[in-house]
Each structure stands twice: as structure tokens, then as C-alpha cells.
């Protein structure tokens, strides 16, 4: 596990490399996270719908 100084050096190098494009990188990362969450929400909705449908199809005892 990297220590504090290693993380600071990595952050400084990252700022030097991505300094001008950092806002663009942040926007892209944010959009990616939003799309990922939408996909998860869609999968959860499909699972819930399938579960409800299977419960409705099951004959009651």
C-alpha cells in the first residue's frame, strides 16, 4: 500500500499531465458514473419485474 508521500507525488504528476484537461476528465468521469447508475437501476427494475411476475404465476396453496 503506498504511503502518504507516494500518493502526493502521484497526485502532483497527475496534475502536471492532466492539468489543462482536468475539467474535461472530471466531466467525462461524472457522465460515466451517471450512465453506470442508470444501467444498474434498469437491471434492478428488470429483476423486480421478473420476481413479481413469477410470484403472480405461482399458484397459491
Protein backbone atom coordinates (compact mmCIF):
# COMPACT_ATOMS: atom_id res chain seq x y z
CA UNK A 1 0.00 0.00 0.00
CA UNK A 2 1.51 3.36 -0.99
CA UNK A 3 2.30 5.80 1.76
CA UNK A 4 1.32 9.44 2.03
CA UNK A 5 4.32 10.80 0.15
CA UNK A 6 3.85 8.38 -2.71
CA UNK A 7 0.22 9.45 -3.08
CA UNK A 8 1.23 13.12 -3.04
CA UNK A 9 3.83 12.50 -5.76
CA UNK A 10 1.31 10.56 -7.87
CA UNK A 11 -1.25 13.38 -7.47
CA UNK A 12 1.34 16.00 -8.45
CA UNK A 13 2.35 14.04 -11.55
CA UNK A 14 -1.32 13.60 -12.42
CA UNK A 15 -1.88 17.34 -12.13
CA UNK A 16 1.10 18.03 -14.37
CA UNK A 17 -0.13 15.60 -17.00
CA UNK A 18 -3.87 16.31 -16.85
CA UNK A 19 -3.82 19.88 -15.50
CA UNK A 20 -5.31 21.56 -18.57
CA UNK A 21 -7.74 18.76 -19.28
CA UNK A 22 -8.78 18.10 -15.69
CA UNK A 23 -12.26 19.69 -16.03
CA UNK A 24 -12.91 17.62 -19.16
CA UNK A 25 -11.72 14.46 -17.45
CA UNK A 26 -13.97 15.21 -14.47
CA UNK A 27 -16.99 15.78 -16.71
CA UNK A 28 -16.35 12.56 -18.58
CA UNK A 29 -15.94 10.63 -15.34
CA UNK A 30 -19.16 12.13 -13.96
CA UNK A 31 -21.10 11.22 -17.10
CA UNK A 32 -19.73 7.70 -16.95
CA UNK A 33 -20.84 7.29 -13.35
CA UNK A 34 -24.33 8.58 -14.17
CA UNK A 35 -24.67 6.16 -17.10
CA UNK A 36 -23.44 3.29 -14.92
CA UNK A 37 -26.03 4.09 -12.24
CA UNK A 38 -28.79 4.27 -14.88
CA UNK A 39 -27.77 0.83 -16.11
CA UNK A 40 -27.83 -0.60 -12.60
CA UNK A 41 -31.23 0.92 -11.98
CA UNK A 42 -32.54 -0.67 -15.19
CA UNK A 43 -31.19 -4.08 -14.22
CA UNK A 44 -32.75 -3.80 -10.75
CA UNK A 45 -36.11 -2.86 -12.30
CA UNK A 46 -35.96 -5.89 -14.61
CA UNK A 47 -35.16 -8.21 -11.70
CA UNK A 48 -38.02 -6.83 -9.60
CA UNK A 49 -40.42 -7.13 -12.54
CA UNK A 50 -39.41 -10.75 -13.18
CA UNK A 51 -39.77 -11.57 -9.48
CA UNK A 52 -43.26 -10.07 -9.31
CA UNK A 53 -44.29 -11.90 -12.47
CA UNK A 54 -43.05 -15.26 -11.15
CA UNK A 55 -44.89 -14.69 -7.86
CA UNK A 56 -48.11 -13.91 -9.75
CA UNK A 57 -47.74 -17.03 -11.92
CA UNK A 58 -47.20 -19.28 -8.88
CA UNK A 59 -50.46 -20.93 -7.77
CA UNK A 60 -51.42 -20.12 -4.21
CA UNK A 61 -51.55 -23.05 -1.80
